C-alpha atoms as a PDB file:
ATOM      1  CA  MET A   1      28.267 -27.851  48.059  1.00  0.00           C
ATOM      2  CA  LYS A   2      28.195 -27.343  44.296  1.00  0.00           C
ATOM      3  CA  LYS A   3      31.863 -26.339  44.174  1.00  0.00           C
ATOM      4  CA  PHE A   4      32.763 -29.356  46.329  1.00  0.00           C
ATOM      5  CA  ILE A   5      31.003 -31.692  43.888  1.00  0.00           C
ATOM      6  CA  LEU A   6      32.729 -30.080  40.903  1.00  0.00           C
ATOM      7  CA  LEU A   7      36.130 -30.338  42.570  1.00  0.00           C
ATOM      8  CA  SER A   8      35.453 -33.971  43.444  1.00  0.00           C
ATOM      9  CA  LEU A   9      34.575 -34.681  39.824  1.00  0.00           C
ATOM     10  CA  ALA A  10      37.750 -32.961  38.737  1.00  0.00           C
ATOM     11  CA  VAL A  11      39.848 -35.113  41.070  1.00  0.00           C
ATOM     12  CA  MET A  12      38.109 -38.267  39.791  1.00  0.00           C
ATOM     13  CA  THR A  13      38.684 -37.184  36.203  1.00  0.00           C
ATOM     14  CA  LEU A  14      42.326 -36.458  36.869  1.00  0.00           C
ATOM     15  CA  SER A  15      42.832 -39.984  38.159  1.00  0.00           C
ATOM     16  CA  PHE A  16      41.843 -41.331  34.753  1.00  0.00           C
ATOM     17  CA  CYS A  17      43.793 -38.752  32.741  1.00  0.00           C
ATOM     18  CA  SER A  18      47.247 -39.438  31.376  1.00  0.00           C
ATOM     19  CA  GLY A  19      49.515 -36.600  30.347  1.00  0.00           C
ATOM     20  CA  PRO A  20      49.548 -32.897  31.232  1.00  0.00           C
ATOM     21  CA  SER A  21      47.194 -31.879  28.396  1.00  0.00           C
ATOM     22  CA  LYS A  22      44.366 -34.110  29.600  1.00  0.00           C
ATOM     23  CA  ARG A  23      44.861 -32.990  33.191  1.00  0.00           C
ATOM     24  CA  ALA A  24      44.757 -29.357  32.083  1.00  0.00           C
ATOM     25  CA  MET A  25      41.555 -30.042  30.157  1.00  0.00           C
ATOM     26  CA  ALA A  26      39.918 -31.659  33.189  1.00  0.00           C
ATOM     27  CA  ILE A  27      40.805 -28.712  35.418  1.00  0.00           C
ATOM     28  CA  HIS A  28      39.692 -26.223  32.780  1.00  0.00           C
ATOM     29  CA  MET A  29      36.265 -27.864  32.485  1.00  0.00           C
ATOM     30  CA  VAL A  30      35.355 -27.171  36.105  1.00  0.00           C
ATOM     31  CA  GLN A  31      36.756 -23.673  36.416  1.00  0.00           C
ATOM     32  CA  GLU A  32      34.243 -20.829  36.455  1.00  0.00           C
ATOM     33  CA  PRO A  33      35.955 -17.486  35.756  1.00  0.00           C
ATOM     34  CA  VAL A  34      34.168 -14.464  37.199  1.00  0.00           C
ATOM     35  CA  THR A  35      36.554 -11.521  37.483  1.00  0.00           C
ATOM     36  CA  LEU A  36      37.810  -9.769  34.368  1.00  0.00           C
ATOM     37  CA  ASN A  37      41.361 -11.088  34.823  1.00  0.00           C
ATOM     38  CA  GLU A  38      40.039 -14.626  35.232  1.00  0.00           C
ATOM     39  CA  VAL A  39      37.902 -14.298  32.095  1.00  0.00           C
ATOM     40  CA  LYS A  40      40.801 -12.908  30.062  1.00  0.00           C
ATOM     41  CA  ALA A  41      43.058 -15.797  31.063  1.00  0.00           C
ATOM     42  CA  TYR A  42      40.352 -18.411  30.537  1.00  0.00           C
ATOM     43  CA  ALA A  43      39.574 -17.156  27.025  1.00  0.00           C
ATOM     44  CA  LEU A  44      43.068 -17.777  25.662  1.00  0.00           C
ATOM     45  CA  GLY A  45      43.143 -20.485  23.007  1.00  0.00           C
ATOM     46  CA  GLU A  46      40.945 -21.761  20.203  1.00  0.00           C
ATOM     47  CA  TRP A  47      37.156 -22.186  20.368  1.00  0.00           C
ATOM     48  CA  VAL A  48      34.891 -23.824  17.779  1.00  0.00           C
ATOM     49  CA  SER A  49      31.179 -24.469  17.146  1.00  0.00           C
ATOM     50  CA  LEU A  50      29.719 -27.700  18.484  1.00  0.00           C
ATOM     51  CA  SER A  51      27.723 -28.089  15.244  1.00  0.00           C
ATOM     52  CA  THR A  52      26.162 -25.989  12.497  1.00  0.00           C
ATOM     53  CA  GLU A  53      24.308 -23.037  14.035  1.00  0.00           C
ATOM     54  CA  LEU A  54      21.139 -21.248  12.980  1.00  0.00           C
ATOM     55  CA  ARG A  55      21.160 -17.456  13.085  1.00  0.00           C
ATOM     56  CA  PRO A  56      18.685 -14.760  11.961  1.00  0.00           C
ATOM     57  CA  THR A  57      20.288 -12.409   9.443  1.00  0.00           C
ATOM     58  CA  GLU A  58      19.201  -8.977   8.333  1.00  0.00           C
ATOM     59  CA  ASP A  59      18.008  -8.954   4.725  1.00  0.00           C
ATOM     60  CA  ARG A  60      20.769  -7.560   2.486  1.00  0.00           C
ATOM     61  CA  THR A  61      18.392  -6.857  -0.423  1.00  0.00           C
ATOM     62  CA  GLY A  62      16.425  -4.164   1.393  1.00  0.00           C
ATOM     63  CA  LYS A  63      13.148  -6.091   1.338  1.00  0.00           C
ATOM     64  CA  GLY A  64      13.018  -6.289   5.139  1.00  0.00           C
ATOM     65  CA  LYS A  65      12.779 -10.080   5.252  1.00  0.00           C
ATOM     66  CA  ILE A  66      14.729 -11.854   7.988  1.00  0.00           C
ATOM     67  CA  GLN A  67      16.791 -14.672   6.514  1.00  0.00           C
ATOM     68  CA  PRO A  68      17.926 -17.874   8.261  1.00  0.00           C
ATOM     69  CA  THR A  69      21.686 -18.374   8.082  1.00  0.00           C
ATOM     70  CA  PHE A  70      23.568 -21.600   8.790  1.00  0.00           C
ATOM     71  CA  LEU A  71      27.160 -21.249   9.961  1.00  0.00           C
ATOM     72  CA  THR A  72      30.049 -22.436  12.094  1.00  0.00           C
ATOM     73  CA  ARG A  73      32.459 -20.263  14.098  1.00  0.00           C
ATOM     74  CA  ASN A  74      36.133 -20.529  15.001  1.00  0.00           C
ATOM     75  CA  PHE A  75      37.637 -17.994  17.410  1.00  0.00           C
ATOM     76  CA  LYS A  76      41.193 -17.696  18.709  1.00  0.00           C
ATOM     77  CA  PHE A  77      42.034 -15.453  21.662  1.00  0.00           C
ATOM     78  CA  MET A  78      45.715 -14.546  21.929  1.00  0.00           C
ATOM     79  CA  ASP A  79      48.042 -12.527  24.154  1.00  0.00           C
ATOM     80  CA  LYS A  80      47.978  -8.732  24.113  1.00  0.00           C
ATOM     81  CA  ASP A  81      44.199  -8.712  23.566  1.00  0.00           C
ATOM     82  CA  LYS A  82      44.481  -9.955  19.983  1.00  0.00           C
ATOM     83  CA  PHE A  83      41.997 -12.289  18.339  1.00  0.00           C
ATOM     84  CA  ALA A  84      41.329 -14.051  15.043  1.00  0.00           C
ATOM     85  CA  GLY A  85      38.151 -15.630  13.753  1.00  0.00           C
ATOM     86  CA  THR A  86      36.614 -17.550  10.890  1.00  0.00           C
ATOM     87  CA  ILE A  87      32.916 -17.841  10.137  1.00  0.00           C
ATOM     88  CA  THR A  88      31.803 -20.325   7.490  1.00  0.00           C
ATOM     89  CA  MET A  89      28.314 -19.951   6.054  1.00  0.00           C
ATOM     90  CA  TYR A  90      26.426 -22.907   4.553  1.00  0.00           C
ATOM     91  CA  ALA A  91      23.500 -23.461   2.213  1.00  0.00           C
ATOM     92  CA  ASP A  92      22.072 -26.254   4.376  1.00  0.00           C
ATOM     93  CA  PRO A  93      21.438 -26.875   8.105  1.00  0.00           C
ATOM     94  CA  TYR A  94      23.955 -29.745   8.279  1.00  0.00           C
ATOM     95  CA  GLY A  95      26.941 -27.802   6.974  1.00  0.00           C
ATOM     96  CA  LYS A  96      27.442 -29.947   3.875  1.00  0.00           C
ATOM     97  CA  THR A  97      27.518 -27.132   1.292  1.00  0.00           C
ATOM     98  CA  PRO A  98      29.744 -24.161   2.201  1.00  0.00           C
ATOM     99  CA  LEU A  99      28.760 -20.835   0.669  1.00  0.00           C
ATOM    100  CA  MET A 100      31.222 -18.305   2.005  1.00  0.00           C
ATOM    101  CA  ILE A 101      34.069 -17.910   4.490  1.00  0.00           C
ATOM    102  CA  PHE A 102      34.724 -14.766   6.532  1.00  0.00           C
ATOM    103  CA  ASP A 103      38.235 -14.349   7.966  1.00  0.00           C
ATOM    104  CA  PHE A 104      38.858 -11.545  10.432  1.00  0.00           C
ATOM    105  CA  ARG A 105      41.565 -10.487  12.830  1.00  0.00           C
ATOM    106  CA  GLY A 106      42.069  -7.624  15.227  1.00  0.00           C
ATOM    107  CA  VAL A 107      42.028  -6.570  18.861  1.00  0.00           C
ATOM    108  CA  VAL A 108      39.513  -6.797  21.689  1.00  0.00           C
ATOM    109  CA  LYS A 109      38.548  -4.119  24.156  1.00  0.00           C
ATOM    110  CA  TRP A 110      37.200  -5.308  27.478  1.00  0.00           C
ATOM    111  CA  GLY A 111      34.358  -3.382  29.063  1.00  0.00           C
ATOM    112  CA  LYS A 112      32.252  -3.548  32.179  1.00  0.00           C
ATOM    113  CA  GLU A 113      30.308  -6.451  33.673  1.00  0.00           C
ATOM    114  CA  HIS A 114      27.281  -7.483  31.626  1.00  0.00           C
ATOM    115  CA  PRO A 115      24.043  -7.843  33.629  1.00  0.00           C
ATOM    116  CA  ILE A 116      22.866 -11.058  31.923  1.00  0.00           C
ATOM    117  CA  VAL A 117      24.686 -13.300  34.456  1.00  0.00           C
ATOM    118  CA  LYS A 118      27.478 -13.094  37.029  1.00  0.00           C
ATOM    119  CA  GLY A 119      30.800 -13.569  35.250  1.00  0.00           C
ATOM    120  CA  ALA A 120      29.659 -12.112  31.908  1.00  0.00           C
ATOM    121  CA  TRP A 121      31.598  -9.149  30.538  1.00  0.00           C
ATOM    122  CA  GLU A 122      31.223  -6.693  27.705  1.00  0.00           C
ATOM    123  CA  ILE A 123      33.753  -7.178  24.904  1.00  0.00           C
ATOM    124  CA  ASP A 124      34.311  -5.235  21.680  1.00  0.00           C
ATOM    125  CA  TYR A 125      35.883  -6.893  18.634  1.00  0.00           C
ATOM    126  CA  THR A 126      37.697  -4.428  16.363  1.00  0.00           C
ATOM    127  CA  LEU A 127      38.552  -5.898  12.951  1.00  0.00           C
ATOM    128  CA  ASN A 128      41.594  -3.746  12.206  1.00  0.00           C
ATOM    129  CA  SER A 129      44.094  -6.351  10.937  1.00  0.00           C
ATOM    130  CA  GLU A 130      42.093  -8.530   8.548  1.00  0.00           C
ATOM    131  CA  PHE A 131      38.579  -8.714   7.116  1.00  0.00           C
ATOM    132  CA  ALA A 132      38.271 -10.942   4.044  1.00  0.00           C
ATOM    133  CA  LEU A 133      35.700 -12.986   2.112  1.00  0.00           C
ATOM    134  CA  THR A 134      36.166 -16.244   0.222  1.00  0.00           C
ATOM    135  CA  PRO A 135      33.152 -17.395  -1.844  1.00  0.00           C
ATOM    136  CA  LYS A 136      32.876 -21.178  -1.864  1.00  0.00           C
ATOM    137  CA  HIS A 137      29.897 -21.549  -4.200  1.00  0.00           C
ATOM    138  CA  PRO A 138      28.689 -19.896  -7.453  1.00  0.00           C
ATOM    139  CA  LEU A 139      25.567 -18.652  -5.652  1.00  0.00           C
ATOM    140  CA  ALA A 140      27.733 -16.726  -3.201  1.00  0.00           C
ATOM    141  CA  VAL A 141      29.744 -15.249  -6.075  1.00  0.00           C
ATOM    142  CA  LYS A 142      26.537 -14.124  -7.764  1.00  0.00           C
ATOM    143  CA  MET A 143      25.265 -12.469  -4.599  1.00  0.00           C
ATOM    144  CA  LEU A 144      28.559 -10.696  -3.830  1.00  0.00           C
ATOM    145  CA  ASN A 145      28.902  -9.418  -7.392  1.00  0.00           C
ATOM    146  CA  SER A 146      25.294  -8.221  -7.546  1.00  0.00           C
ATOM    147  CA  VAL A 147      26.310  -4.883  -6.011  1.00  0.00           C
ATOM    148  CA  PRO A 148      29.318  -3.378  -7.859  1.00  0.00           C
ATOM    149  CA  THR A 149      31.850  -1.972  -5.414  1.00  0.00           C
ATOM    150  CA  ALA A 150      34.661   0.429  -6.287  1.00  0.00           C
ATOM    151  CA  GLY A 151      38.117  -0.814  -5.323  1.00  0.00           C
ATOM    152  CA  LEU A 152      37.200  -4.489  -5.374  1.00  0.00           C
ATOM    153  CA  LYS A 153      37.733  -7.085  -8.063  1.00  0.00           C
ATOM    154  CA  LYS A 154      34.956  -9.399  -9.170  1.00  0.00           C
ATOM    155  CA  PHE A 155      34.550 -12.198  -6.638  1.00  0.00           C
ATOM    156  CA  GLN A 156      35.441 -15.724  -7.760  1.00  0.00           C
ATOM    157  CA  VAL A 157      34.908 -19.151  -6.229  1.00  0.00           C
ATOM    158  CA  ASN A 158      37.700 -20.078  -3.775  1.00  0.00           C
ATOM    159  CA  VAL A 159      39.482 -16.732  -4.251  1.00  0.00           C
ATOM    160  CA  LYS A 160      39.963 -14.786  -1.014  1.00  0.00           C
ATOM    161  CA  GLN A 161      39.539 -11.022  -1.227  1.00  0.00           C
ATOM    162  CA  SER A 162      40.138  -8.416   1.471  1.00  0.00           C
ATOM    163  CA  ILE A 163      37.430  -5.867   2.222  1.00  0.00           C
ATOM    164  CA  LEU A 164      39.382  -4.258   5.071  1.00  0.00           C
ATOM    165  CA  LYS A 165      38.824  -0.481   5.026  1.00  0.00           C
ATOM    166  CA  LYS A 166      36.989  -0.795   1.705  1.00  0.00           C
ATOM    167  CA  ALA A 167      33.454   0.316   0.941  1.00  0.00           C
ATOM    168  CA  PHE A 168      31.077  -2.656   0.979  1.00  0.00           C
ATOM    169  CA  PRO A 169      27.445  -1.494   0.676  1.00  0.00           C
ATOM    170  CA  MET A 170      26.042  -5.001   1.136  1.00  0.00           C
ATOM    171  CA  PHE A 171      27.309  -4.913   4.735  1.00  0.00           C
ATOM    172  CA  ASN A 172      26.698  -1.163   5.195  1.00  0.00           C
ATOM    173  CA  ILE A 173      30.447  -0.547   5.382  1.00  0.00           C
ATOM    174  CA  ILE A 174      31.897   2.714   4.103  1.00  0.00           C
ATOM    175  CA  LYS A 175      35.424   3.369   2.829  1.00  0.00           C
ATOM    176  CA  ASN A 176      38.144   3.445   5.540  1.00  0.00           C
ATOM    177  CA  GLN A 177      35.691   2.199   8.185  1.00  0.00           C
ATOM    178  CA  ILE A 178      37.096  -0.121  10.839  1.00  0.00           C
ATOM    179  CA  VAL A 179      34.350  -2.584  11.729  1.00  0.00           C
ATOM    180  CA  THR A 180      33.654  -3.176  15.426  1.00  0.00           C
ATOM    181  CA  ASP A 181      31.252  -5.687  16.975  1.00  0.00           C
ATOM    182  CA  TYR A 182      29.881  -4.836  20.440  1.00  0.00           C
ATOM    183  CA  ASP A 183      29.363  -8.188  22.127  1.00  0.00           C
ATOM    184  CA  LEU A 184      29.485 -10.031  25.444  1.00  0.00           C
ATOM    185  CA  ILE A 185      31.417 -13.062  26.681  1.00  0.00           C
ATOM    186  CA  TYR A 186      30.730 -15.654  29.384  1.00  0.00           C
ATOM    187  CA  PHE A 187      32.168 -19.055  30.347  1.00  0.00           C
ATOM    188  CA  LYS A 188      30.375 -21.988  31.963  1.00  0.00           C
ATOM    189  CA  ASN A 189      31.287 -25.687  32.253  1.00  0.00           C
ATOM    190  CA  GLY A 190      34.179 -25.306  29.842  1.00  0.00           C
ATOM    191  CA  LEU A 191      32.041 -23.581  27.187  1.00  0.00           C
ATOM    192  CA  LEU A 192      32.295 -20.067  25.717  1.00  0.00           C
ATOM    193  CA  PHE A 193      29.087 -18.094  25.308  1.00  0.00           C
ATOM    194  CA  MET A 194      28.867 -14.928  23.223  1.00  0.00           C
ATOM    195  CA  GLY A 195      25.811 -12.773  22.653  1.00  0.00           C
ATOM    196  CA  ALA A 196      22.690 -14.124  20.947  1.00  0.00           C
ATOM    197  CA  LYS A 197      21.847 -12.437  17.661  1.00  0.00           C
ATOM    198  CA  HIS A 198      18.899 -10.072  17.639  1.00  0.00           C
ATOM    199  CA  VAL A 199      15.695 -11.686  16.375  1.00  0.00           C
ATOM    200  CA  ASP A 200      15.408  -9.032  13.659  1.00  0.00           C
ATOM    201  CA  GLY A 201      18.867  -9.950  12.365  1.00  0.00           C
ATOM    202  CA  THR A 202      20.457  -6.569  13.048  1.00  0.00           C
ATOM    203  CA  PRO A 203      24.207  -6.642  13.754  1.00  0.00           C
ATOM    204  CA  PHE A 204      26.121  -5.626  16.881  1.00  0.00           C
ATOM    205  CA  ASP A 205      27.537  -2.583  15.095  1.00  0.00           C
ATOM    206  CA  LYS A 206      26.655  -0.004  17.758  1.00  0.00           C
ATOM    207  CA  PRO A 207      27.047   0.005  21.561  1.00  0.00           C
ATOM    208  CA  GLU A 208      23.263   0.301  21.934  1.00  0.00           C
ATOM    209  CA  ARG A 209      22.880  -2.896  19.901  1.00  0.00           C
ATOM    210  CA  ARG A 210      25.016  -4.942  22.255  1.00  0.00           C
ATOM    211  CA  PRO A 211      23.269  -8.312  22.842  1.00  0.00           C
ATOM    212  CA  GLN A 212      21.290  -9.006  25.992  1.00  0.00           C
ATOM    213  CA  GLN A 213      21.072 -12.812  25.827  1.00  0.00           C
ATOM    214  CA  LEU A 214      23.452 -15.752  25.385  1.00  0.00           C
ATOM    215  CA  GLN A 215      24.134 -17.554  22.120  1.00  0.00           C
ATOM    216  CA  ILE A 216      24.890 -21.213  21.351  1.00  0.00           C
ATOM    217  CA  PRO A 217      28.279 -21.895  23.019  1.00  0.00           C
ATOM    218  CA  LEU A 218      31.667 -22.692  21.536  1.00  0.00           C
ATOM    219  CA  LEU A 219      33.831 -25.614  22.636  1.00  0.00           C
ATOM    220  CA  LYS A 220      37.533 -25.240  23.464  1.00  0.00           C
ATOM    221  CA  VAL A 221      40.060 -27.074  21.304  1.00  0.00           C
ATOM    222  CA  TYR A 222      42.568 -29.090  23.330  1.00  0.00           C
ATOM    223  CA  ASN A 223      45.788 -30.437  21.842  1.00  0.00           C
ATOM    224  CA  LEU A 224      45.830 -33.875  23.453  1.00  0.00           C
END
């Protein structure tokens, strides 16, 4: 019955859509990928945050205090299991004052079904092509330069610097390390869900730290 209602809504939506892009969007919104091949195909394209998100972040100063972080995400899934992403961090909950931009690019490795919900799958993001930081505010520059790092220049506002394969103690990254995030992925009602961050702010840097819940979803970008 549910699928019948969704298909009926899709047909009604199509009747009001003009152009192939809008029709494709309407069909995409009601599809529910379940198998790994369906999920892979559905993921292709660009996905962005609905609004500024709140995330717990592990304290980088070693004091053990969990810090609130405000950010937006942009993910692109491409052919041959390649992906690119941008995370922008802000000083405020409304995303008015950007602090820092993370740009990363690499490959994904698909794993087994995730038990959180039918249609969810394990996915590993390996940042082996690009991992760079761009400070957008003097406060971010001050924080990044507070821990001297061999092989890196002093950070400057609006100057992008690569940390790929470079030691970066603030993020617990050692020299020549290829960073991998162990995550999950799930699609529902045209939205992309990844894993919710751990309440203690710890990263997904080990298979045993793979998330067990769903995060705020991303919205697909359609070129209409």
